[in-house]
Amino acid sequence: MRHRPWPKSKGALTKPVSMRRLAEGAGLSLHQTRQAIRVSHIPEDEFARLVESDDPPTVEQLARLGRRRGIKRLGGSQPCPHCGGTGRITT
């Protein structure tokens, strides 16, 4: 499996102790870093319940849960104040 290389820095991401540099220093790929961030979005009590269950989820499944939580945290889809629509196409 080929890992995607880290993008080259263009000056804006050159802070002395950035998350990017820490991840690179720890030997994490870009994909692994993004997965870890998504998993960290899961509330602690729910994470513990999932991991300690009889059938624990994979890291990929946890990352998917963290991604969905991030969207919900932003308010999800709200109806349009003008027409009441949600922006979703239904058939």
N, C-alpha and C. Protein backbone atom coordinates (compact mmCIF):
# COMPACT_ATOMS: atom_id res chain seq x y z
N MET A 1 0.84 -1.18 0.00
CA MET A 1 0.00 0.00 0.00
C MET A 1 0.89 1.24 0.00
N ARG A 2 0.69 2.09 -0.98
CA ARG A 2 1.48 3.33 -1.05
C ARG A 2 0.82 4.42 -0.22
N HIS A 3 1.63 5.10 0.53
CA HIS A 3 1.10 6.21 1.33
C HIS A 3 1.29 7.50 0.56
N ARG A 4 0.33 8.36 0.70
CA ARG A 4 0.40 9.66 0.07
C ARG A 4 1.41 10.52 0.81
N PRO A 5 2.33 11.16 0.12
CA PRO A 5 3.34 11.97 0.82
C PRO A 5 2.72 13.24 1.39
N TRP A 6 3.38 13.76 2.40
CA TRP A 6 2.94 15.02 2.97
C TRP A 6 3.14 16.12 1.93
N PRO A 7 2.19 17.05 1.80
CA PRO A 7 2.38 18.15 0.85
C PRO A 7 3.53 19.05 1.30
N LYS A 8 4.19 19.67 0.35
CA LYS A 8 5.30 20.57 0.67
C LYS A 8 4.76 21.82 1.37
N SER A 9 5.49 22.29 2.34
CA SER A 9 5.10 23.49 3.07
C SER A 9 5.36 24.72 2.22
N LYS A 10 4.45 25.67 2.32
CA LYS A 10 4.61 26.92 1.56
C LYS A 10 4.80 28.10 2.50
N GLY A 11 5.25 27.84 3.71
CA GLY A 11 5.54 28.92 4.63
C GLY A 11 4.47 29.11 5.69
N ALA A 12 3.21 28.90 5.35
CA ALA A 12 2.14 29.13 6.31
C ALA A 12 2.09 28.03 7.37
N LEU A 13 2.58 26.85 7.05
CA LEU A 13 2.52 25.73 7.99
C LEU A 13 3.87 25.44 8.62
N THR A 14 4.65 26.45 8.89
CA THR A 14 5.99 26.22 9.41
C THR A 14 6.14 26.67 10.87
N LYS A 15 5.07 26.53 11.66
CA LYS A 15 5.14 26.86 13.08
C LYS A 15 6.12 25.91 13.76
N PRO A 16 6.80 26.34 14.82
CA PRO A 16 7.80 25.49 15.47
C PRO A 16 7.25 24.14 15.94
N VAL A 17 6.06 24.11 16.53
CA VAL A 17 5.50 22.85 17.02
C VAL A 17 4.08 22.73 16.50
N SER A 18 3.95 22.48 15.23
CA SER A 18 2.62 22.32 14.65
C SER A 18 2.22 20.85 14.71
N MET A 19 0.93 20.61 14.57
CA MET A 19 0.42 19.25 14.56
C MET A 19 1.06 18.46 13.41
N ARG A 20 1.26 19.14 12.31
CA ARG A 20 1.86 18.49 11.14
C ARG A 20 3.27 18.01 11.44
N ARG A 21 4.08 18.85 12.06
CA ARG A 21 5.46 18.47 12.38
C ARG A 21 5.50 17.36 13.42
N LEU A 22 4.60 17.41 14.40
CA LEU A 22 4.55 16.36 15.40
C LEU A 22 4.20 15.02 14.76
N ALA A 23 3.23 15.03 13.86
CA ALA A 23 2.83 13.80 13.18
C ALA A 23 3.95 13.27 12.30
N GLU A 24 4.61 14.15 11.58
CA GLU A 24 5.74 13.74 10.75
C GLU A 24 6.85 13.15 11.62
N GLY A 25 7.14 13.80 12.74
CA GLY A 25 8.18 13.33 13.65
C GLY A 25 7.86 11.98 14.27
N ALA A 26 6.56 11.71 14.45
CA ALA A 26 6.14 10.42 15.01
C ALA A 26 6.08 9.34 13.94
N GLY A 27 6.31 9.73 12.69
CA GLY A 27 6.30 8.75 11.60
C GLY A 27 4.93 8.44 11.07
N LEU A 28 3.94 9.31 11.37
CA LEU A 28 2.58 9.08 10.88
C LEU A 28 2.43 9.62 9.46
N SER A 29 1.67 8.89 8.66
CA SER A 29 1.37 9.37 7.31
C SER A 29 0.25 10.41 7.40
N LEU A 30 -0.01 11.09 6.32
CA LEU A 30 -1.08 12.07 6.27
C LEU A 30 -2.42 11.39 6.57
N HIS A 31 -2.64 10.21 5.99
CA HIS A 31 -3.88 9.45 6.21
C HIS A 31 -4.04 9.08 7.69
N GLN A 32 -2.97 8.60 8.31
CA GLN A 32 -3.04 8.21 9.72
C GLN A 32 -3.32 9.41 10.62
N THR A 33 -2.74 10.55 10.27
CA THR A 33 -2.97 11.77 11.05
C THR A 33 -4.42 12.19 10.96
N ARG A 34 -4.97 12.18 9.77
CA ARG A 34 -6.37 12.58 9.60
C ARG A 34 -7.29 11.61 10.32
N GLN A 35 -6.99 10.32 10.26
CA GLN A 35 -7.80 9.34 10.98
C GLN A 35 -7.76 9.60 12.49
N ALA A 36 -6.59 9.87 13.01
CA ALA A 36 -6.45 10.11 14.45
C ALA A 36 -7.26 11.34 14.88
N ILE A 37 -7.25 12.37 14.06
CA ILE A 37 -8.01 13.58 14.38
C ILE A 37 -9.50 13.28 14.37
N ARG A 38 -9.95 12.50 13.39
CA ARG A 38 -11.37 12.15 13.32
C ARG A 38 -11.79 11.30 14.51
N VAL A 39 -10.96 10.34 14.90
CA VAL A 39 -11.27 9.50 16.06
C VAL A 39 -11.33 10.36 17.32
N SER A 40 -10.50 11.37 17.41
CA SER A 40 -10.49 12.24 18.60
C SER A 40 -11.77 13.07 18.73
N HIS A 41 -12.58 13.14 17.68
CA HIS A 41 -13.84 13.89 17.75
C HIS A 41 -14.95 13.11 18.46
N ILE A 42 -14.74 11.82 18.68
CA ILE A 42 -15.74 11.00 19.37
C ILE A 42 -15.68 11.32 20.86
N PRO A 43 -16.83 11.59 21.50
CA PRO A 43 -16.81 11.86 22.95
C PRO A 43 -16.18 10.70 23.73
N GLU A 44 -15.49 11.03 24.79
CA GLU A 44 -14.69 10.06 25.55
C GLU A 44 -15.53 8.88 26.06
N ASP A 45 -16.71 9.16 26.62
CA ASP A 45 -17.52 8.07 27.17
C ASP A 45 -18.04 7.14 26.07
N GLU A 46 -18.41 7.70 24.92
CA GLU A 46 -18.86 6.87 23.80
C GLU A 46 -17.70 6.06 23.22
N PHE A 47 -16.52 6.66 23.13
CA PHE A 47 -15.34 5.95 22.64
C PHE A 47 -15.04 4.75 23.52
N ALA A 48 -15.05 4.95 24.84
CA ALA A 48 -14.78 3.85 25.77
C ALA A 48 -15.81 2.74 25.62
N ARG A 49 -17.09 3.12 25.49
CA ARG A 49 -18.15 2.12 25.33
C ARG A 49 -17.93 1.30 24.06
N LEU A 50 -17.57 1.96 22.96
CA LEU A 50 -17.37 1.27 21.70
C LEU A 50 -16.16 0.34 21.74
N VAL A 51 -15.06 0.83 22.26
CA VAL A 51 -13.82 0.06 22.27
C VAL A 51 -13.90 -1.13 23.23
N GLU A 52 -14.62 -0.98 24.33
CA GLU A 52 -14.72 -2.06 25.31
C GLU A 52 -15.86 -3.02 25.03
N SER A 53 -16.56 -2.85 23.92
CA SER A 53 -17.68 -3.74 23.59
C SER A 53 -17.16 -5.11 23.16
N ASP A 54 -18.08 -6.07 23.04
CA ASP A 54 -17.71 -7.43 22.63
C ASP A 54 -17.20 -7.47 21.19
N ASP A 55 -17.69 -6.57 20.36
CA ASP A 55 -17.27 -6.51 18.95
C ASP A 55 -16.75 -5.09 18.67
N PRO A 56 -15.50 -4.77 19.08
CA PRO A 56 -14.99 -3.40 18.93
C PRO A 56 -14.84 -3.01 17.46
N PRO A 57 -15.10 -1.75 17.14
CA PRO A 57 -14.97 -1.28 15.76
C PRO A 57 -13.51 -1.13 15.34
N THR A 58 -13.29 -1.11 14.04
CA THR A 58 -11.95 -0.88 13.50
C THR A 58 -11.63 0.61 13.57
N VAL A 59 -10.40 0.97 13.35
CA VAL A 59 -10.00 2.38 13.35
C VAL A 59 -10.75 3.11 12.24
N GLU A 60 -10.91 2.46 11.10
CA GLU A 60 -11.64 3.08 9.97
C GLU A 60 -13.08 3.39 10.36
N GLN A 61 -13.74 2.46 11.06
CA GLN A 61 -15.11 2.68 11.50
C GLN A 61 -15.18 3.82 12.53
N LEU A 62 -14.21 3.87 13.43
CA LEU A 62 -14.18 4.95 14.42
C LEU A 62 -13.97 6.30 13.72
N ALA A 63 -13.08 6.33 12.72
CA ALA A 63 -12.82 7.57 11.99
C ALA A 63 -14.09 8.04 11.29
N ARG A 64 -14.86 7.09 10.74
CA ARG A 64 -16.12 7.46 10.08
C ARG A 64 -17.10 8.06 11.08
N LEU A 65 -17.16 7.50 12.29
CA LEU A 65 -18.03 8.06 13.33
C LEU A 65 -17.59 9.46 13.70
N GLY A 66 -16.29 9.67 13.82
CA GLY A 66 -15.77 11.00 14.15
C GLY A 66 -16.05 12.01 13.08
N ARG A 67 -16.03 11.59 11.84
CA ARG A 67 -16.33 12.49 10.72
C ARG A 67 -17.79 12.94 10.79
N ARG A 68 -18.69 11.98 11.03
CA ARG A 68 -20.11 12.34 11.10
C ARG A 68 -20.39 13.24 12.29
N ARG A 69 -19.70 13.00 13.41
CA ARG A 69 -19.90 13.85 14.59
C ARG A 69 -19.50 15.28 14.29
N GLY A 70 -18.43 15.47 13.54
CA GLY A 70 -17.98 16.81 13.20
C GLY A 70 -19.01 17.57 12.41
N ILE A 71 -19.70 16.88 11.53
CA ILE A 71 -20.75 17.52 10.73
C ILE A 71 -21.92 17.89 11.62
N LYS A 72 -22.30 16.99 12.52
CA LYS A 72 -23.42 17.28 13.42
C LYS A 72 -23.10 18.45 14.33
N ARG A 73 -21.84 18.55 14.77
CA ARG A 73 -21.45 19.63 15.65
C ARG A 73 -21.63 20.99 15.00
N LEU A 74 -21.51 21.03 13.68
CA LEU A 74 -21.66 22.29 12.97
C LEU A 74 -23.12 22.66 12.75
N GLY A 75 -24.04 21.84 13.23
CA GLY A 75 -25.44 22.18 13.13
C GLY A 75 -26.20 21.33 12.13
N GLY A 76 -25.54 20.49 11.37
CA GLY A 76 -26.23 19.65 10.41
C GLY A 76 -26.91 20.47 9.34
N SER A 77 -27.97 19.94 8.78
CA SER A 77 -28.69 20.70 7.75
C SER A 77 -29.85 21.43 8.40
N GLN A 78 -29.94 22.69 8.15
CA GLN A 78 -31.02 23.50 8.67
C GLN A 78 -31.89 23.94 7.50
N PRO A 79 -33.19 24.08 7.73
CA PRO A 79 -34.05 24.49 6.64
C PRO A 79 -33.73 25.91 6.17
N CYS A 80 -33.92 26.13 4.88
CA CYS A 80 -33.71 27.46 4.31
C CYS A 80 -34.74 28.42 4.90
N PRO A 81 -34.34 29.61 5.34
CA PRO A 81 -35.30 30.55 5.93
C PRO A 81 -36.31 31.07 4.90
N HIS A 82 -35.99 30.95 3.61
CA HIS A 82 -36.87 31.48 2.57
C HIS A 82 -37.88 30.45 2.08
N CYS A 83 -37.42 29.24 1.77
CA CYS A 83 -38.33 28.25 1.17
C CYS A 83 -38.59 27.04 2.07
N GLY A 84 -37.82 26.89 3.16
CA GLY A 84 -38.01 25.77 4.06
C GLY A 84 -37.30 24.51 3.63
N GLY A 85 -36.62 24.53 2.50
CA GLY A 85 -35.91 23.36 1.99
C GLY A 85 -34.61 23.12 2.75
N THR A 86 -34.10 21.89 2.67
CA THR A 86 -32.86 21.53 3.36
C THR A 86 -31.67 21.49 2.41
N GLY A 87 -31.91 21.62 1.12
CA GLY A 87 -30.82 21.53 0.16
C GLY A 87 -30.56 20.12 -0.31
N ARG A 88 -31.32 19.16 0.20
CA ARG A 88 -31.18 17.78 -0.20
C ARG A 88 -32.15 17.47 -1.34
N ILE A 89 -31.70 16.68 -2.28
CA ILE A 89 -32.55 16.29 -3.38
C ILE A 89 -33.18 14.94 -3.03
N THR A 90 -34.49 14.88 -3.01
CA THR A 90 -35.17 13.64 -2.71
C THR A 90 -36.01 13.24 -3.92
N THR A 91 -36.11 11.93 -4.12
CA THR A 91 -36.89 11.46 -5.27
C THR A 91 -38.05 10.64 -4.82
